[in-house]
Amino acid sequence: MHDPFIKFKELFKQYNQFGKMAITTVGKNNKPTLRNIALKHYDENGFIFATKRNTIKVKNLSENPNIAALFDWFNKKHQVRIEGVAIEASEDEMRKNFASRPREKQIKAWAFNQFDKIEDIKELDEKILFFTNKFKDHDVIPYINYWAIYTIIPNYFEFWGRLDSGECKREHYSLKNNIWSLDIYYEK
């Protein structure tokens, strides 16, 4: 049986020290948007990332749940491309995730809005200080409901690698009827 998650785990363990990936989403305007994000976790169920709800990626995913992700280890002669569907986590899962974040990051989530115009970095520092003081007597920082978690459920993987001989090898895994099939291609 072909399992792209096993192959991914081997490469990730070897190359991805920072847990980042690039994702592409497309909304109803048919304009793709691409950005790097932090990968929170992955397992055989998918690839999990968190974001604020007021972002372009969330707007796009609400209009079109199809998504692509790229793990680029080009300097190591490898990359992995994933296609699938992004599913939003339940409110309970999001609350648990927010609670698991370090206190400092929870406070920064309250202070920082990606689309607020900030003229000076001191403004952000002041917001962080404001929320630090606001929550200083709280054992638990309250959950903010504009926090969202998504799982990318893959239906396609492409593993690309440059061989020592100079050729490129592409391994395409496609999911059909809950079974992964594998096609391998070589190019010079």
Foldseek 3Di string as FASTA:
>chain_A
DDDVQVVVVVVCVVAPPQQKKKKWFAAPVRDIDIDIFHFPDADSQFTKGKDFCPDPRNRRCVRPQKMKMKDDPVVQQKIKIFIAGKDWDDPVVQQVVLQPDPPLVNLLVVQDDPPDDDPDVVSSVVSSVVSCVVCVVPPTDDDDVRMIMIGGGTQKMWMWGQDPVGKIKIWIWGADPNDTDIDIDIDD
